[in-house]
Amino acid sequence: MDCCIKHKERSQEEIKSLTIRLNKIEGQIRGISKMIDDDRYCVDIITQINAVQSALNSFTKELLSSHIKSCVVKDIREGNDTVVDELCELLQKTMK
């Protein structure tokens, strides 16, 4: 089954940056769960949810930028123009 899964090599710096962001988001999610357990005020919880959404958007922007600058450019240079359709579909899903 691994034959159909695409892979991308990332630098250690990129892996570290993405992992740090994800760990922060994970902590924020755990914090929201604790707020619910502690019967915190709805507005406070929604404020934290907005912070998580913003953090996820920043994560997405970083990953998308890396994807375009590496994967998309590489595929286009190799003559694989279908990557443009894939990118357009991805952008449509991301911008819902």
PDB file of N, CA and C in Angstrom:
ATOM      1  N   MET A   1       0.810  -1.199   0.000  1.00  0.00           N
ATOM      2  CA  MET A   1       0.000   0.000   0.000  1.00  0.00           C
ATOM      3  C   MET A   1       0.854   1.265   0.000  1.00  0.00           C
ATOM      4  N   ASP A   2       2.070   1.218   0.489  1.00  0.00           N
ATOM      5  CA  ASP A   2       2.929   2.388   0.572  1.00  0.00           C
ATOM      6  C   ASP A   2       3.305   2.908  -0.811  1.00  0.00           C
ATOM      7  N   CYS A   3       3.075   2.097  -1.861  1.00  0.00           N
ATOM      8  CA  CYS A   3       3.439   2.501  -3.218  1.00  0.00           C
ATOM      9  C   CYS A   3       2.630   3.706  -3.697  1.00  0.00           C
ATOM     10  N   CYS A   4       1.452   3.904  -3.157  1.00  0.00           N
ATOM     11  CA  CYS A   4       0.557   4.971  -3.614  1.00  0.00           C
ATOM     12  C   CYS A   4       0.655   6.230  -2.765  1.00  0.00           C
ATOM     13  N   ILE A   5       1.463   6.201  -1.745  1.00  0.00           N
ATOM     14  CA  ILE A   5       1.607   7.347  -0.846  1.00  0.00           C
ATOM     15  C   ILE A   5       2.821   8.152  -1.278  1.00  0.00           C
ATOM     16  N   LYS A   6       2.606   9.448  -1.494  1.00  0.00           N
ATOM     17  CA  LYS A   6       3.723  10.317  -1.861  1.00  0.00           C
ATOM     18  C   LYS A   6       4.502  10.691  -0.606  1.00  0.00           C
ATOM     19  N   HIS A   7       5.787  10.925  -0.779  1.00  0.00           N
ATOM     20  CA  HIS A   7       6.646  11.339   0.333  1.00  0.00           C
ATOM     21  C   HIS A   7       7.432  12.576  -0.068  1.00  0.00           C
ATOM     22  N   LYS A   8       7.867  13.318   0.927  1.00  0.00           N
ATOM     23  CA  LYS A   8       8.701  14.497   0.705  1.00  0.00           C
ATOM     24  C   LYS A   8       9.773  14.537   1.779  1.00  0.00           C
ATOM     25  N   GLU A   9      10.994  14.651   1.340  1.00  0.00           N
ATOM     26  CA  GLU A   9      12.075  14.800   2.309  1.00  0.00           C
ATOM     27  C   GLU A   9      12.075  16.240   2.813  1.00  0.00           C
ATOM     28  N   ARG A  10      12.162  16.365   4.136  1.00  0.00           N
ATOM     29  CA  ARG A  10      12.212  17.682   4.757  1.00  0.00           C
ATOM     30  C   ARG A  10      13.534  17.836   5.496  1.00  0.00           C
ATOM     31  N   SER A  11      13.996  19.068   5.543  1.00  0.00           N
ATOM     32  CA  SER A  11      15.214  19.334   6.303  1.00  0.00           C
ATOM     33  C   SER A  11      14.903  19.195   7.786  1.00  0.00           C
ATOM     34  N   GLN A  12      15.925  18.985   8.576  1.00  0.00           N
ATOM     35  CA  GLN A  12      15.744  18.893  10.017  1.00  0.00           C
ATOM     36  C   GLN A  12      15.178  20.195  10.573  1.00  0.00           C
ATOM     37  N   GLU A  13      15.568  21.312   9.979  1.00  0.00           N
ATOM     38  CA  GLU A  13      15.066  22.623  10.417  1.00  0.00           C
ATOM     39  C   GLU A  13      13.556  22.726  10.166  1.00  0.00           C
ATOM     40  N   GLU A  14      13.114  22.271   8.984  1.00  0.00           N
ATOM     41  CA  GLU A  14      11.683  22.318   8.664  1.00  0.00           C
ATOM     42  C   GLU A  14      10.897  21.384   9.574  1.00  0.00           C
ATOM     43  N   ILE A  15      11.405  20.191   9.785  1.00  0.00           N
ATOM     44  CA  ILE A  15      10.734  19.234  10.679  1.00  0.00           C
ATOM     45  C   ILE A  15      10.609  19.819  12.074  1.00  0.00           C
ATOM     46  N   LYS A  16      11.689  20.424  12.553  1.00  0.00           N
ATOM     47  CA  LYS A  16      11.678  21.011  13.899  1.00  0.00           C
ATOM     48  C   LYS A  16      10.649  22.133  13.993  1.00  0.00           C
ATOM     49  N   SER A  17      10.622  23.008  13.002  1.00  0.00           N
ATOM     50  CA  SER A  17       9.689  24.133  13.004  1.00  0.00           C
ATOM     51  C   SER A  17       8.243  23.649  12.987  1.00  0.00           C
ATOM     52  N   LEU A  18       7.935  22.705  12.106  1.00  0.00           N
ATOM     53  CA  LEU A  18       6.570  22.184  12.019  1.00  0.00           C
ATOM     54  C   LEU A  18       6.167  21.443  13.291  1.00  0.00           C
ATOM     55  N   THR A  19       7.091  20.674  13.840  1.00  0.00           N
ATOM     56  CA  THR A  19       6.808  19.914  15.061  1.00  0.00           C
ATOM     57  C   THR A  19       6.558  20.844  16.244  1.00  0.00           C
ATOM     58  N   ILE A  20       7.344  21.902  16.356  1.00  0.00           N
ATOM     59  CA  ILE A  20       7.149  22.877  17.444  1.00  0.00           C
ATOM     60  C   ILE A  20       5.756  23.495  17.341  1.00  0.00           C
ATOM     61  N   ARG A  21       5.375  23.873  16.125  1.00  0.00           N
ATOM     62  CA  ARG A  21       4.036  24.453  15.931  1.00  0.00           C
ATOM     63  C   ARG A  21       2.944  23.465  16.321  1.00  0.00           C
ATOM     64  N   LEU A  22       3.085  22.213  15.869  1.00  0.00           N
ATOM     65  CA  LEU A  22       2.076  21.198  16.183  1.00  0.00           C
ATOM     66  C   LEU A  22       2.001  20.926  17.679  1.00  0.00           C
ATOM     67  N   ASN A  23       3.137  20.886  18.330  1.00  0.00           N
ATOM     68  CA  ASN A  23       3.137  20.657  19.779  1.00  0.00           C
ATOM     69  C   ASN A  23       2.423  21.784  20.522  1.00  0.00           C
ATOM     70  N   LYS A  24       2.620  23.024  20.058  1.00  0.00           N
ATOM     71  CA  LYS A  24       1.927  24.162  20.679  1.00  0.00           C
ATOM     72  C   LYS A  24       0.417  24.041  20.467  1.00  0.00           C
ATOM     73  N   ILE A  25       0.014  23.657  19.255  1.00  0.00           N
ATOM     74  CA  ILE A  25      -1.408  23.489  18.955  1.00  0.00           C
ATOM     75  C   ILE A  25      -2.001  22.374  19.806  1.00  0.00           C
ATOM     76  N   GLU A  26      -1.262  21.292  19.935  1.00  0.00           N
ATOM     77  CA  GLU A  26      -1.717  20.177  20.778  1.00  0.00           C
ATOM     78  C   GLU A  26      -1.922  20.646  22.220  1.00  0.00           C
ATOM     79  N   GLY A  27      -1.012  21.448  22.717  1.00  0.00           N
ATOM     80  CA  GLY A  27      -1.146  21.990  24.069  1.00  0.00           C
ATOM     81  C   GLY A  27      -2.358  22.890  24.192  1.00  0.00           C
ATOM     82  N   GLN A  28      -2.610  23.697  23.165  1.00  0.00           N
ATOM     83  CA  GLN A  28      -3.780  24.562  23.186  1.00  0.00           C
ATOM     84  C   GLN A  28      -5.069  23.734  23.218  1.00  0.00           C
ATOM     85  N   ILE A  29      -5.108  22.660  22.456  1.00  0.00           N
ATOM     86  CA  ILE A  29      -6.287  21.784  22.432  1.00  0.00           C
ATOM     87  C   ILE A  29      -6.502  21.152  23.804  1.00  0.00           C
ATOM     88  N   ARG A  30      -5.421  20.679  24.423  1.00  0.00           N
ATOM     89  CA  ARG A  30      -5.546  20.120  25.777  1.00  0.00           C
ATOM     90  C   ARG A  30      -6.043  21.183  26.760  1.00  0.00           C
ATOM     91  N   GLY A  31      -5.597  22.419  26.561  1.00  0.00           N
ATOM     92  CA  GLY A  31      -6.043  23.513  27.409  1.00  0.00           C
ATOM     93  C   GLY A  31      -7.544  23.770  27.267  1.00  0.00           C
ATOM     94  N   ILE A  32      -8.038  23.678  26.042  1.00  0.00           N
ATOM     95  CA  ILE A  32      -9.475  23.854  25.812  1.00  0.00           C
ATOM     96  C   ILE A  32     -10.253  22.739  26.496  1.00  0.00           C
ATOM     97  N   SER A  33      -9.763  21.530  26.394  1.00  0.00           N
ATOM     98  CA  SER A  33     -10.419  20.394  27.051  1.00  0.00           C
ATOM     99  C   SER A  33     -10.478  20.612  28.562  1.00  0.00           C
ATOM    100  N   LYS A  34      -9.378  21.113  29.132  1.00  0.00           N
ATOM    101  CA  LYS A  34      -9.346  21.390  30.574  1.00  0.00           C
ATOM    102  C   LYS A  34     -10.320  22.514  30.933  1.00  0.00           C
ATOM    103  N   MET A  35     -10.423  23.504  30.074  1.00  0.00           N
ATOM    104  CA  MET A  35     -11.364  24.591  30.315  1.00  0.00           C
ATOM    105  C   MET A  35     -12.800  24.065  30.379  1.00  0.00           C
ATOM    106  N   ILE A  36     -13.118  23.129  29.514  1.00  0.00           N
ATOM    107  CA  ILE A  36     -14.456  22.528  29.521  1.00  0.00           C
ATOM    108  C   ILE A  36     -14.662  21.747  30.815  1.00  0.00           C
ATOM    109  N   ASP A  37     -13.652  20.960  31.191  1.00  0.00           N
ATOM    110  CA  ASP A  37     -13.733  20.203  32.450  1.00  0.00           C
ATOM    111  C   ASP A  37     -13.908  21.129  33.657  1.00  0.00           C
ATOM    112  N   ASP A  38     -13.311  22.325  33.575  1.00  0.00           N
ATOM    113  CA  ASP A  38     -13.364  23.290  34.676  1.00  0.00           C
ATOM    114  C   ASP A  38     -14.585  24.209  34.594  1.00  0.00           C
ATOM    115  N   ASP A  39     -15.507  23.909  33.676  1.00  0.00           N
ATOM    116  CA  ASP A  39     -16.723  24.720  33.508  1.00  0.00           C
ATOM    117  C   ASP A  39     -16.426  26.193  33.264  1.00  0.00           C
ATOM    118  N   ARG A  40     -15.405  26.455  32.446  1.00  0.00           N
ATOM    119  CA  ARG A  40     -15.040  27.842  32.138  1.00  0.00           C
ATOM    120  C   ARG A  40     -16.109  28.507  31.288  1.00  0.00           C
ATOM    121  N   TYR A  41     -16.133  29.797  31.316  1.00  0.00           N
ATOM    122  CA  TYR A  41     -17.085  30.626  30.594  1.00  0.00           C
ATOM    123  C   TYR A  41     -16.940  30.404  29.079  1.00  0.00           C
ATOM    124  N   CYS A  42     -18.072  30.313  28.395  1.00  0.00           N
ATOM    125  CA  CYS A  42     -18.096  30.005  26.961  1.00  0.00           C
ATOM    126  C   CYS A  42     -17.218  30.953  26.136  1.00  0.00           C
ATOM    127  N   VAL A  43     -17.289  32.229  26.425  1.00  0.00           N
ATOM    128  CA  VAL A  43     -16.519  33.217  25.666  1.00  0.00           C
ATOM    129  C   VAL A  43     -15.024  32.936  25.789  1.00  0.00           C
ATOM    130  N   ASP A  44     -14.574  32.549  26.979  1.00  0.00           N
ATOM    131  CA  ASP A  44     -13.155  32.232  27.171  1.00  0.00           C
ATOM    132  C   ASP A  44     -12.748  31.025  26.327  1.00  0.00           C
ATOM    133  N   ILE A  45     -13.618  30.026  26.269  1.00  0.00           N
ATOM    134  CA  ILE A  45     -13.322  28.822  25.478  1.00  0.00           C
ATOM    135  C   ILE A  45     -13.286  29.170  23.995  1.00  0.00           C
ATOM    136  N   ILE A  46     -14.263  29.953  23.549  1.00  0.00           N
ATOM    137  CA  ILE A  46     -14.312  30.334  22.135  1.00  0.00           C
ATOM    138  C   ILE A  46     -13.088  31.165  21.762  1.00  0.00           C
ATOM    139  N   THR A  47     -12.632  32.011  22.666  1.00  0.00           N
ATOM    140  CA  THR A  47     -11.416  32.786  22.425  1.00  0.00           C
ATOM    141  C   THR A  47     -10.227  31.856  22.196  1.00  0.00           C
ATOM    142  N   GLN A  48     -10.130  30.809  23.002  1.00  0.00           N
ATOM    143  CA  GLN A  48      -9.039  29.841  22.833  1.00  0.00           C
ATOM    144  C   GLN A  48      -9.190  29.044  21.545  1.00  0.00           C
ATOM    145  N   ILE A  49     -10.425  28.724  21.179  1.00  0.00           N
ATOM    146  CA  ILE A  49     -10.661  28.021  19.908  1.00  0.00           C
ATOM    147  C   ILE A  49     -10.187  28.887  18.747  1.00  0.00           C
ATOM    148  N   ASN A  50     -10.476  30.178  18.802  1.00  0.00           N
ATOM    149  CA  ASN A  50     -10.012  31.092  17.757  1.00  0.00           C
ATOM    150  C   ASN A  50      -8.487  31.128  17.686  1.00  0.00           C
ATOM    151  N   ALA A  51      -7.835  31.057  18.837  1.00  0.00           N
ATOM    152  CA  ALA A  51      -6.371  31.034  18.868  1.00  0.00           C
ATOM    153  C   ALA A  51      -5.839  29.765  18.199  1.00  0.00           C
ATOM    154  N   VAL A  52      -6.510  28.638  18.445  1.00  0.00           N
ATOM    155  CA  VAL A  52      -6.100  27.373  17.810  1.00  0.00           C
ATOM    156  C   VAL A  52      -6.293  27.451  16.302  1.00  0.00           C
ATOM    157  N   GLN A  53      -7.429  27.994  15.877  1.00  0.00           N
ATOM    158  CA  GLN A  53      -7.681  28.129  14.443  1.00  0.00           C
ATOM    159  C   GLN A  53      -6.623  29.007  13.778  1.00  0.00           C
ATOM    160  N   SER A  54      -6.249  30.067  14.448  1.00  0.00           N
ATOM    161  CA  SER A  54      -5.210  30.949  13.925  1.00  0.00           C
ATOM    162  C   SER A  54      -3.867  30.216  13.834  1.00  0.00           C
ATOM    163  N   ALA A  55      -3.558  29.436  14.857  1.00  0.00           N
ATOM    164  CA  ALA A  55      -2.307  28.668  14.858  1.00  0.00           C
ATOM    165  C   ALA A  55      -2.313  27.623  13.742  1.00  0.00           C
ATOM    166  N   LEU A  56      -3.453  26.969  13.533  1.00  0.00           N
ATOM    167  CA  LEU A  56      -3.560  25.996  12.444  1.00  0.00           C
ATOM    168  C   LEU A  56      -3.426  26.678  11.082  1.00  0.00           C
ATOM    169  N   ASN A  57      -4.008  27.870  10.945  1.00  0.00           N
ATOM    170  CA  ASN A  57      -3.871  28.616   9.696  1.00  0.00           C
ATOM    171  C   ASN A  57      -2.411  28.964   9.424  1.00  0.00           C
ATOM    172  N   SER A  58      -1.692  29.368  10.453  1.00  0.00           N
ATOM    173  CA  SER A  58      -0.268  29.694  10.300  1.00  0.00           C
ATOM    174  C   SER A  58       0.530  28.450   9.914  1.00  0.00           C
ATOM    175  N   PHE A  59       0.197  27.326  10.542  1.00  0.00           N
ATOM    176  CA  PHE A  59       0.846  26.058  10.212  1.00  0.00           C
ATOM    177  C   PHE A  59       0.589  25.706   8.746  1.00  0.00           C
ATOM    178  N   THR A  60      -0.668  25.851   8.325  1.00  0.00           N
ATOM    179  CA  THR A  60      -1.042  25.546   6.943  1.00  0.00           C
ATOM    180  C   THR A  60      -0.287  26.438   5.966  1.00  0.00           C
ATOM    181  N   LYS A  61      -0.188  27.728   6.266  1.00  0.00           N
ATOM    182  CA  LYS A  61       0.535  28.663   5.393  1.00  0.00           C
ATOM    183  C   LYS A  61       1.998  28.253   5.245  1.00  0.00           C
ATOM    184  N   GLU A  62       2.614  27.882   6.355  1.00  0.00           N
ATOM    185  CA  GLU A  62       4.022  27.479   6.310  1.00  0.00           C
ATOM    186  C   GLU A  62       4.203  26.215   5.465  1.00  0.00           C
ATOM    187  N   LEU A  63       3.342  25.242   5.685  1.00  0.00           N
ATOM    188  CA  LEU A  63       3.441  23.978   4.950  1.00  0.00           C
ATOM    189  C   LEU A  63       3.116  24.189   3.468  1.00  0.00           C
ATOM    190  N   LEU A  64       2.101  24.983   3.173  1.00  0.00           N
ATOM    191  CA  LEU A  64       1.717  25.251   1.789  1.00  0.00           C
ATOM    192  C   LEU A  64       2.828  25.984   1.046  1.00  0.00           C
ATOM    193  N   SER A  65       3.435  26.949   1.693  1.00  0.00           N
ATOM    194  CA  SER A  65       4.544  27.676   1.085  1.00  0.00           C
ATOM    195  C   SER A  65       5.692  26.731   0.745  1.00  0.00           C
ATOM    196  N   SER A  66       6.022  25.868   1.678  1.00  0.00           N
ATOM    197  CA  SER A  66       7.081  24.883   1.447  1.00  0.00           C
ATOM    198  C   SER A  66       6.709  23.952   0.292  1.00  0.00           C
ATOM    199  N   HIS A  67       5.460  23.524   0.260  1.00  0.00           N
ATOM    200  CA  HIS A  67       4.990  22.620  -0.796  1.00  0.00           C
ATOM    201  C   HIS A  67       5.128  23.280  -2.171  1.00  0.00           C
ATOM    202  N   ILE A  68       4.695  24.525  -2.276  1.00  0.00           N
ATOM    203  CA  ILE A  68       4.763  25.217  -3.565  1.00  0.00           C
ATOM    204  C   ILE A  68       6.213  25.414  -3.999  1.00  0.00           C
ATOM    205  N   LYS A  69       7.055  25.862  -3.058  1.00  0.00           N
ATOM    206  CA  LYS A  69       8.449  26.163  -3.391  1.00  0.00           C
ATOM    207  C   LYS A  69       9.271  24.919  -3.697  1.00  0.00           C
ATOM    208  N   SER A  70       8.840  23.769  -3.196  1.00  0.00           N
ATOM    209  CA  SER A  70       9.643  22.566  -3.444  1.00  0.00           C
ATOM    210  C   SER A  70       8.906  21.588  -4.363  1.00  0.00           C
ATOM    211  N   CYS A  71       7.869  20.969  -3.877  1.00  0.00           N
ATOM    212  CA  CYS A  71       7.174  19.909  -4.621  1.00  0.00           C
ATOM    213  C   CYS A  71       6.587  20.401  -5.938  1.00  0.00           C
ATOM    214  N   VAL A  72       5.840  21.498  -5.886  1.00  0.00           N
ATOM    215  CA  VAL A  72       5.161  21.995  -7.082  1.00  0.00           C
ATOM    216  C   VAL A  72       6.187  22.441  -8.122  1.00  0.00           C
ATOM    217  N   VAL A  73       7.163  23.212  -7.693  1.00  0.00           N
ATOM    218  CA  VAL A  73       8.194  23.691  -8.621  1.00  0.00           C
ATOM    219  C   VAL A  73       8.944  22.511  -9.243  1.00  0.00           C
ATOM    220  N   LYS A  74       9.303  21.537  -8.433  1.00  0.00           N
ATOM    221  CA  LYS A  74      10.031  20.358  -8.925  1.00  0.00           C
ATOM    222  C   LYS A  74       9.212  19.621  -9.974  1.00  0.00           C
ATOM    223  N   ASP A  75       7.935  19.375  -9.677  1.00  0.00           N
ATOM    224  CA  ASP A  75       7.088  18.643 -10.617  1.00  0.00           C
ATOM    225  C   ASP A  75       6.901  19.411 -11.919  1.00  0.00           C
ATOM    226  N   ILE A  76       6.710  20.704 -11.841  1.00  0.00           N
ATOM    227  CA  ILE A  76       6.547  21.501 -13.065  1.00  0.00           C
ATOM    228  C   ILE A  76       7.815  21.452 -13.899  1.00  0.00           C
ATOM    229  N   ARG A  77       8.965  21.575 -13.250  1.00  0.00           N
ATOM    230  CA  ARG A  77      10.244  21.520 -13.979  1.00  0.00           C
ATOM    231  C   ARG A  77      10.452  20.160 -14.639  1.00  0.00           C
ATOM    232  N   GLU A  78       9.872  19.110 -14.028  1.00  0.00           N
ATOM    233  CA  GLU A  78       9.987  17.764 -14.596  1.00  0.00           C
ATOM    234  C   GLU A  78       8.894  17.483 -15.621  1.00  0.00           C
ATOM    235  N   GLY A  79       8.048  18.488 -15.911  1.00  0.00           N
ATOM    236  CA  GLY A  79       7.013  18.333 -16.920  1.00  0.00           C
ATOM    237  C   GLY A  79       5.701  17.774 -16.408  1.00  0.00           C
ATOM    238  N   ASN A  80       5.562  17.648 -15.097  1.00  0.00           N
ATOM    239  CA  ASN A  80       4.329  17.124 -14.517  1.00  0.00           C
ATOM    240  C   ASN A  80       3.388  18.287 -14.189  1.00  0.00           C
ATOM    241  N   ASP A  81       2.627  18.701 -15.186  1.00  0.00           N
ATOM    242  CA  ASP A  81       1.720  19.838 -15.012  1.00  0.00           C
ATOM    243  C   ASP A  81       0.469  19.484 -14.217  1.00  0.00           C
ATOM    244  N   THR A  82       0.209  18.203 -13.982  1.00  0.00           N
ATOM    245  CA  THR A  82      -0.978  17.817 -13.204  1.00  0.00           C
ATOM    246  C   THR A  82      -0.872  18.327 -11.771  1.00  0.00           C
ATOM    247  N   VAL A  83       0.320  18.652 -11.331  1.00  0.00           N
ATOM    248  CA  VAL A  83       0.506  19.172  -9.978  1.00  0.00           C
ATOM    249  C   VAL A  83      -0.208  20.515  -9.808  1.00  0.00           C
ATOM    250  N   VAL A  84      -0.400  21.241 -10.894  1.00  0.00           N
ATOM    251  CA  VAL A  84      -1.107  22.523 -10.825  1.00  0.00           C
ATOM    252  C   VAL A  84      -2.581  22.274 -10.491  1.00  0.00           C
ATOM    253  N   ASP A  85      -3.185  21.268 -11.136  1.00  0.00           N
ATOM    254  CA  ASP A  85      -4.570  20.910 -10.813  1.00  0.00           C
ATOM    255  C   ASP A  85      -4.686  20.464  -9.358  1.00  0.00           C
ATOM    256  N   GLU A  86      -3.715  19.673  -8.921  1.00  0.00           N
ATOM    257  CA  GLU A  86      -3.701  19.205  -7.532  1.00  0.00           C
ATOM    258  C   GLU A  86      -3.624  20.401  -6.574  1.00  0.00           C
ATOM    259  N   LEU A  87      -2.783  21.364  -6.900  1.00  0.00           N
ATOM    260  CA  LEU A  87      -2.636  22.564  -6.066  1.00  0.00           C
ATOM    261  C   LEU A  87      -3.931  23.376  -6.050  1.00  0.00           C
ATOM    262  N   CYS A  88      -4.569  23.531  -7.197  1.00  0.00           N
ATOM    263  CA  CYS A  88      -5.837  24.277  -7.260  1.00  0.00           C
ATOM    264  C   CYS A  88      -6.903  23.606  -6.404  1.00  0.00           C
ATOM    265  N   GLU A  89      -6.991  22.283  -6.467  1.00  0.00           N
ATOM    266  CA  GLU A  89      -7.942  21.544  -5.625  1.00  0.00           C
ATOM    267  C   GLU A  89      -7.625  21.746  -4.149  1.00  0.00           C
ATOM    268  N   LEU A  90      -6.348  21.674  -3.816  1.00  0.00           N
ATOM    269  CA  LEU A  90      -5.934  21.866  -2.433  1.00  0.00           C
ATOM    270  C   LEU A  90      -6.314  23.256  -1.930  1.00  0.00           C
ATOM    271  N   LEU A  91      -6.066  24.266  -2.748  1.00  0.00           N
ATOM    272  CA  LEU A  91      -6.398  25.644  -2.353  1.00  0.00           C
ATOM    273  C   LEU A  91      -7.905  25.807  -2.162  1.00  0.00           C
ATOM    274  N   GLN A  92      -8.690  25.193  -3.026  1.00  0.00           N
ATOM    275  CA  GLN A  92     -10.148  25.268  -2.863  1.00  0.00           C
ATOM    276  C   GLN A  92     -10.598  24.628  -1.557  1.00  0.00           C
ATOM    277  N   LYS A  93     -10.009  23.486  -1.201  1.00  0.00           N
ATOM    278  CA  LYS A  93     -10.357  22.812   0.059  1.00  0.00           C
ATOM    279  C   LYS A  93      -9.890  23.643   1.252  1.00  0.00           C
ATOM    280  N   THR A  94      -8.727  24.246   1.123  1.00  0.00           N
ATOM    281  CA  THR A  94      -8.145  25.004   2.229  1.00  0.00           C
ATOM    282  C   THR A  94      -8.897  26.300   2.482  1.00  0.00           C
ATOM    283  N   MET A  95      -9.455  26.891   1.445  1.00  0.00           N
ATOM    284  CA  MET A  95     -10.090  28.203   1.573  1.00  0.00           C
ATOM    285  C   MET A  95     -11.599  28.119   1.786  1.00  0.00           C
ATOM    286  N   LYS A  96     -12.105  27.010   2.241  1.00  0.00           N
ATOM    287  CA  LYS A  96     -13.544  26.881   2.494  1.00  0.00           C
ATOM    288  C   LYS A  96     -13.981  27.809   3.590  1.00  0.00           C
TER     289      LYS A  96
END
